[in-house]
Amino acid sequence: SPPSPKPSHEVFLTVEAAGDASLAAAASVIYRDAPKVLSSSFDSTGTRLVVTFDQPTDGISVVPCDDYFSGDADSALIGYPSAICTWNQPDTLTVLLGNAATILPSQTLVLSHLEIGSQDRAADTNRGVTVLTISLPVVKTPPSIVLIGPTSVGECDTASLSVEGTTMRGTVYSYRSLNP
């Protein structure tokens, strides 16, 4: 079984026939607690939510976000249906927020555990839900821009400028000329 920070529990069982002790069977069952959320925060760009669990889960690849966030209010906060849920690591669910996402730090989401089990299948899925309070990222990536245009312009000349950059969601740019 894959390594797990969660301790496992093993139960041993022996069954013998009542009239003949030579007819016996022995078995053991290994189990562990279902995965639980350790943390939930924005990534450094503010465009993704990162939900970390206490052990490797059976989550794989890209999954529909409504498997985990089924309430209308939660779906709106993450920008569903354009939000994308992925498991890049077995213990980490990442939610790429959709175009219309409105979630902010300290807001809450309800995560359904109905589809999340342990990677080694030694635990059943947690049948409940967890209320996630979304934290700020540990490190924030500032937006960056590149302004492209001429280095000088004459008094009667016209100039075209373009701006390219990476931004966090919700960033608004405004432009103005200091020398009209």
C-alpha atoms as a PDB file:
ATOM      1  CA  SER A   1       0.000   0.000   0.000  1.00  0.00           C
ATOM      2  CA  PRO A   2       1.243   3.553  -0.684  1.00  0.00           C
ATOM      3  CA  PRO A   3       2.795   5.476   2.184  1.00  0.00           C
ATOM      4  CA  SER A   4       0.333   7.471   4.221  1.00  0.00           C
ATOM      5  CA  PRO A   5       0.731   9.850   7.143  1.00  0.00           C
ATOM      6  CA  LYS A   6      -2.452   8.377   8.629  1.00  0.00           C
ATOM      7  CA  PRO A   7      -1.975   5.362  10.890  1.00  0.00           C
ATOM      8  CA  SER A   8      -3.777   2.269   9.769  1.00  0.00           C
ATOM      9  CA  HIS A   9      -5.600  -0.162  11.997  1.00  0.00           C
ATOM     10  CA  GLU A  10      -5.571  -3.918  11.538  1.00  0.00           C
ATOM     11  CA  VAL A  11      -8.164  -6.338  12.873  1.00  0.00           C
ATOM     12  CA  PHE A  12      -7.400 -10.074  13.031  1.00  0.00           C
ATOM     13  CA  LEU A  13     -10.197 -12.599  12.878  1.00  0.00           C
ATOM     14  CA  THR A  14     -10.158 -16.390  13.279  1.00  0.00           C
ATOM     15  CA  VAL A  15     -13.243 -18.547  12.794  1.00  0.00           C
ATOM     16  CA  GLU A  16     -13.296 -22.210  13.866  1.00  0.00           C
ATOM     17  CA  ALA A  17     -15.944 -24.850  13.338  1.00  0.00           C
ATOM     18  CA  ALA A  18     -17.787 -25.624  16.576  1.00  0.00           C
ATOM     19  CA  GLY A  19     -17.291 -29.383  16.335  1.00  0.00           C
ATOM     20  CA  ASP A  20     -13.861 -29.517  14.625  1.00  0.00           C
ATOM     21  CA  ALA A  21     -11.087 -27.051  15.529  1.00  0.00           C
ATOM     22  CA  SER A  22      -9.081 -28.204  12.521  1.00  0.00           C
ATOM     23  CA  LEU A  23     -11.620 -26.446  10.303  1.00  0.00           C
ATOM     24  CA  ALA A  24     -10.550 -22.834  10.756  1.00  0.00           C
ATOM     25  CA  ALA A  25     -10.035 -19.714   8.706  1.00  0.00           C
ATOM     26  CA  ALA A  26      -8.044 -16.613   9.599  1.00  0.00           C
ATOM     27  CA  ALA A  27      -8.165 -13.170   8.060  1.00  0.00           C
ATOM     28  CA  SER A  28      -7.076  -9.630   8.752  1.00  0.00           C
ATOM     29  CA  VAL A  29      -8.608  -6.357   7.655  1.00  0.00           C
ATOM     30  CA  ILE A  30      -6.654  -3.102   7.412  1.00  0.00           C
ATOM     31  CA  TYR A  31      -8.558   0.164   7.598  1.00  0.00           C
ATOM     32  CA  ARG A  32      -7.910   3.846   8.275  1.00  0.00           C
ATOM     33  CA  ASP A  33      -9.972   6.962   8.848  1.00  0.00           C
ATOM     34  CA  ALA A  34     -11.431   8.656   5.784  1.00  0.00           C
ATOM     35  CA  PRO A  35      -9.465  11.603   4.349  1.00  0.00           C
ATOM     36  CA  LYS A  36      -9.957  14.903   6.166  1.00  0.00           C
ATOM     37  CA  VAL A  37      -9.189  18.448   5.022  1.00  0.00           C
ATOM     38  CA  LEU A  38      -6.017  19.986   6.488  1.00  0.00           C
ATOM     39  CA  SER A  39      -6.168  23.383   4.767  1.00  0.00           C
ATOM     40  CA  SER A  40      -7.909  25.416   2.089  1.00  0.00           C
ATOM     41  CA  SER A  41      -6.428  28.582   0.600  1.00  0.00           C
ATOM     42  CA  PHE A  42      -5.932  30.604  -2.541  1.00  0.00           C
ATOM     43  CA  ASP A  43      -2.814  29.903  -4.578  1.00  0.00           C
ATOM     44  CA  SER A  44      -0.256  32.707  -4.992  1.00  0.00           C
ATOM     45  CA  THR A  45      -2.088  34.195  -7.996  1.00  0.00           C
ATOM     46  CA  GLY A  46      -5.572  34.165  -6.466  1.00  0.00           C
ATOM     47  CA  THR A  47      -6.944  32.222  -9.443  1.00  0.00           C
ATOM     48  CA  ARG A  48      -7.068  28.786  -7.789  1.00  0.00           C
ATOM     49  CA  LEU A  49      -8.210  27.276  -4.531  1.00  0.00           C
ATOM     50  CA  VAL A  50      -5.936  24.609  -3.040  1.00  0.00           C
ATOM     51  CA  VAL A  51      -7.529  22.064  -0.691  1.00  0.00           C
ATOM     52  CA  THR A  52      -5.038  19.776   1.079  1.00  0.00           C
ATOM     53  CA  PHE A  53      -5.994  16.489   2.752  1.00  0.00           C
ATOM     54  CA  ASP A  54      -4.317  14.582   5.593  1.00  0.00           C
ATOM     55  CA  GLN A  55      -3.499  11.562   3.379  1.00  0.00           C
ATOM     56  CA  PRO A  56      -3.312  10.539  -0.274  1.00  0.00           C
ATOM     57  CA  THR A  57      -6.820  10.240  -1.713  1.00  0.00           C
ATOM     58  CA  ASP A  58      -8.282   8.323  -4.624  1.00  0.00           C
ATOM     59  CA  GLY A  59      -8.834  11.587  -6.522  1.00  0.00           C
ATOM     60  CA  ILE A  60      -7.339  11.506 -10.010  1.00  0.00           C
ATOM     61  CA  SER A  61      -7.063  13.843 -12.972  1.00  0.00           C
ATOM     62  CA  VAL A  62      -9.779  16.353 -13.885  1.00  0.00           C
ATOM     63  CA  VAL A  63     -13.207  15.938 -12.304  1.00  0.00           C
ATOM     64  CA  PRO A  64     -16.457  17.906 -12.493  1.00  0.00           C
ATOM     65  CA  CYS A  65     -16.505  20.492  -9.706  1.00  0.00           C
ATOM     66  CA  ASP A  66     -20.153  19.727  -8.971  1.00  0.00           C
ATOM     67  CA  ASP A  67     -18.936  16.384  -7.565  1.00  0.00           C
ATOM     68  CA  TYR A  68     -17.547  18.399  -4.644  1.00  0.00           C
ATOM     69  CA  PHE A  69     -19.421  21.716  -4.575  1.00  0.00           C
ATOM     70  CA  SER A  70     -23.079  21.055  -5.265  1.00  0.00           C
ATOM     71  CA  GLY A  71     -24.915  23.937  -3.623  1.00  0.00           C
ATOM     72  CA  ASP A  72     -26.009  26.806  -5.869  1.00  0.00           C
ATOM     73  CA  ALA A  73     -24.289  29.389  -3.661  1.00  0.00           C
ATOM     74  CA  ASP A  74     -21.002  27.421  -3.629  1.00  0.00           C
ATOM     75  CA  SER A  75     -21.160  26.836  -7.383  1.00  0.00           C
ATOM     76  CA  ALA A  76     -21.569  30.584  -7.939  1.00  0.00           C
ATOM     77  CA  LEU A  77     -18.639  31.408  -5.621  1.00  0.00           C
ATOM     78  CA  ILE A  78     -16.222  29.213  -7.627  1.00  0.00           C
ATOM     79  CA  GLY A  79     -17.602  30.323 -11.007  1.00  0.00           C
ATOM     80  CA  TYR A  80     -19.160  26.987 -11.975  1.00  0.00           C
ATOM     81  CA  PRO A  81     -19.648  25.741 -14.728  1.00  0.00           C
ATOM     82  CA  SER A  82     -16.360  27.172 -16.033  1.00  0.00           C
ATOM     83  CA  ALA A  83     -14.480  26.222 -12.826  1.00  0.00           C
ATOM     84  CA  ILE A  84     -12.188  23.194 -13.225  1.00  0.00           C
ATOM     85  CA  CYS A  85     -11.319  20.762 -10.423  1.00  0.00           C
ATOM     86  CA  THR A  86      -8.098  18.747 -10.688  1.00  0.00           C
ATOM     87  CA  TRP A  87      -6.053  16.388  -8.545  1.00  0.00           C
ATOM     88  CA  ASN A  88      -2.414  17.269  -9.358  1.00  0.00           C
ATOM     89  CA  GLN A  89      -1.245  15.463  -6.221  1.00  0.00           C
ATOM     90  CA  PRO A  90      -3.101  12.604  -4.490  1.00  0.00           C
ATOM     91  CA  ASP A  91      -3.594  14.728  -1.360  1.00  0.00           C
ATOM     92  CA  THR A  92      -4.436  18.032  -3.095  1.00  0.00           C
ATOM     93  CA  LEU A  93      -7.625  19.139  -4.840  1.00  0.00           C
ATOM     94  CA  THR A  94      -7.091  22.278  -6.947  1.00  0.00           C
ATOM     95  CA  VAL A  95     -10.010  24.390  -8.154  1.00  0.00           C
ATOM     96  CA  LEU A  96      -9.250  26.665 -11.104  1.00  0.00           C
ATOM     97  CA  LEU A  97     -11.824  29.373 -10.507  1.00  0.00           C
ATOM     98  CA  GLY A  98     -14.267  30.101 -13.298  1.00  0.00           C
ATOM     99  CA  ASN A  99     -14.687  33.409 -15.112  1.00  0.00           C
ATOM    100  CA  ALA A 100     -17.516  34.598 -12.870  1.00  0.00           C
ATOM    101  CA  ALA A 101     -15.990  33.438  -9.553  1.00  0.00           C
ATOM    102  CA  THR A 102     -16.725  35.748  -6.640  1.00  0.00           C
ATOM    103  CA  ILE A 103     -15.100  33.970  -3.696  1.00  0.00           C
ATOM    104  CA  LEU A 104     -12.885  36.073  -1.428  1.00  0.00           C
ATOM    105  CA  PRO A 105     -10.519  35.208   1.435  1.00  0.00           C
ATOM    106  CA  SER A 106     -12.353  34.233   4.658  1.00  0.00           C
ATOM    107  CA  GLN A 107     -15.478  33.185   2.769  1.00  0.00           C
ATOM    108  CA  THR A 108     -16.713  29.632   3.180  1.00  0.00           C
ATOM    109  CA  LEU A 109     -17.549  26.787   0.816  1.00  0.00           C
ATOM    110  CA  VAL A 110     -19.156  23.441   1.609  1.00  0.00           C
ATOM    111  CA  LEU A 111     -17.051  20.528   0.312  1.00  0.00           C
ATOM    112  CA  SER A 112     -18.891  17.230  -0.122  1.00  0.00           C
ATOM    113  CA  HIS A 113     -16.825  14.141   0.696  1.00  0.00           C
ATOM    114  CA  LEU A 114     -19.111  11.641  -1.031  1.00  0.00           C
ATOM    115  CA  GLU A 115     -16.551  10.983  -3.772  1.00  0.00           C
ATOM    116  CA  ILE A 116     -13.283  11.209  -1.774  1.00  0.00           C
ATOM    117  CA  GLY A 117     -11.730   8.020  -0.367  1.00  0.00           C
ATOM    118  CA  SER A 118      -8.217   6.977   0.639  1.00  0.00           C
ATOM    119  CA  GLN A 119      -5.784   6.118  -2.160  1.00  0.00           C
ATOM    120  CA  ASP A 120      -5.189   2.610  -0.862  1.00  0.00           C
ATOM    121  CA  ARG A 121      -8.938   2.040  -0.389  1.00  0.00           C
ATOM    122  CA  ALA A 122      -8.313   1.157   3.271  1.00  0.00           C
ATOM    123  CA  ALA A 123     -10.869   3.812   4.279  1.00  0.00           C
ATOM    124  CA  ASP A 124     -14.409   4.360   3.199  1.00  0.00           C
ATOM    125  CA  THR A 125     -15.352   7.750   1.804  1.00  0.00           C
ATOM    126  CA  ASN A 126     -16.226  10.333   4.410  1.00  0.00           C
ATOM    127  CA  ARG A 127     -20.002  10.554   4.131  1.00  0.00           C
ATOM    128  CA  GLY A 128     -20.175  14.110   5.421  1.00  0.00           C
ATOM    129  CA  VAL A 129     -19.251  17.580   4.348  1.00  0.00           C
ATOM    130  CA  THR A 130     -16.565  20.030   5.454  1.00  0.00           C
ATOM    131  CA  VAL A 131     -17.073  23.766   5.650  1.00  0.00           C
ATOM    132  CA  LEU A 132     -13.936  25.284   4.140  1.00  0.00           C
ATOM    133  CA  THR A 133     -12.829  28.760   5.162  1.00  0.00           C
ATOM    134  CA  ILE A 134     -10.622  29.974   2.336  1.00  0.00           C
ATOM    135  CA  SER A 135      -7.331  31.497   3.544  1.00  0.00           C
ATOM    136  CA  LEU A 136      -4.996  33.947   1.884  1.00  0.00           C
ATOM    137  CA  PRO A 137      -2.017  32.397   0.093  1.00  0.00           C
ATOM    138  CA  VAL A 138       1.255  32.117   1.981  1.00  0.00           C
ATOM    139  CA  VAL A 139       3.026  33.955  -0.842  1.00  0.00           C
ATOM    140  CA  LYS A 140       1.214  36.433  -3.093  1.00  0.00           C
ATOM    141  CA  THR A 141       2.366  36.960  -6.675  1.00  0.00           C
ATOM    142  CA  PRO A 142       2.067  40.616  -7.655  1.00  0.00           C
ATOM    143  CA  PRO A 143       0.652  41.421 -11.078  1.00  0.00           C
ATOM    144  CA  SER A 144       3.197  42.347 -13.733  1.00  0.00           C
ATOM    145  CA  ILE A 145       2.769  44.331 -16.931  1.00  0.00           C
ATOM    146  CA  VAL A 146       4.822  45.162 -19.998  1.00  0.00           C
ATOM    147  CA  LEU A 147       4.126  48.468 -21.751  1.00  0.00           C
ATOM    148  CA  ILE A 148       5.040  48.375 -25.456  1.00  0.00           C
ATOM    149  CA  GLY A 149       5.361  51.527 -27.515  1.00  0.00           C
ATOM    150  CA  PRO A 150       7.762  54.148 -28.844  1.00  0.00           C
ATOM    151  CA  THR A 151      10.439  55.521 -26.528  1.00  0.00           C
ATOM    152  CA  SER A 152       9.766  59.098 -27.632  1.00  0.00           C
ATOM    153  CA  VAL A 153       6.960  60.969 -29.435  1.00  0.00           C
ATOM    154  CA  GLY A 154       6.994  64.406 -31.079  1.00  0.00           C
ATOM    155  CA  GLU A 155       4.510  67.142 -30.119  1.00  0.00           C
ATOM    156  CA  CYS A 156       2.157  66.509 -33.044  1.00  0.00           C
ATOM    157  CA  ASP A 157       2.788  62.776 -33.411  1.00  0.00           C
ATOM    158  CA  THR A 158       0.385  60.045 -32.449  1.00  0.00           C
ATOM    159  CA  ALA A 159       1.464  56.988 -30.553  1.00  0.00           C
ATOM    160  CA  SER A 160       0.024  53.539 -29.981  1.00  0.00           C
ATOM    161  CA  LEU A 161       0.724  51.678 -26.797  1.00  0.00           C
ATOM    162  CA  SER A 162      -0.128  48.133 -25.862  1.00  0.00           C
ATOM    163  CA  VAL A 163      -0.083  46.500 -22.481  1.00  0.00           C
ATOM    164  CA  GLU A 164       0.518  42.838 -21.774  1.00  0.00           C
ATOM    165  CA  GLY A 165       0.710  41.176 -18.440  1.00  0.00           C
ATOM    166  CA  THR A 166      -0.242  38.569 -15.932  1.00  0.00           C
ATOM    167  CA  THR A 167      -2.796  39.468 -13.337  1.00  0.00           C
ATOM    168  CA  MET A 168      -4.732  38.022 -10.516  1.00  0.00           C
ATOM    169  CA  ARG A 169      -8.457  37.763 -11.056  1.00  0.00           C
ATOM    170  CA  GLY A 170     -10.451  40.929 -10.581  1.00  0.00           C
ATOM    171  CA  THR A 171      -7.573  43.228 -11.548  1.00  0.00           C
ATOM    172  CA  VAL A 172      -8.653  46.421 -13.294  1.00  0.00           C
ATOM    173  CA  TYR A 173      -6.290  48.592 -15.317  1.00  0.00           C
ATOM    174  CA  SER A 174      -6.823  52.272 -15.980  1.00  0.00           C
ATOM    175  CA  TYR A 175      -4.834  54.460 -18.351  1.00  0.00           C
ATOM    176  CA  ARG A 176      -4.287  58.192 -18.547  1.00  0.00           C
ATOM    177  CA  SER A 177      -1.936  60.662 -20.118  1.00  0.00           C
ATOM    178  CA  LEU A 178      -0.062  62.959 -17.779  1.00  0.00           C
ATOM    179  CA  ASN A 179       0.830  65.397 -20.612  1.00  0.00           C
ATOM    180  CA  PRO A 180      -2.264  65.819 -22.798  1.00  0.00           C
END
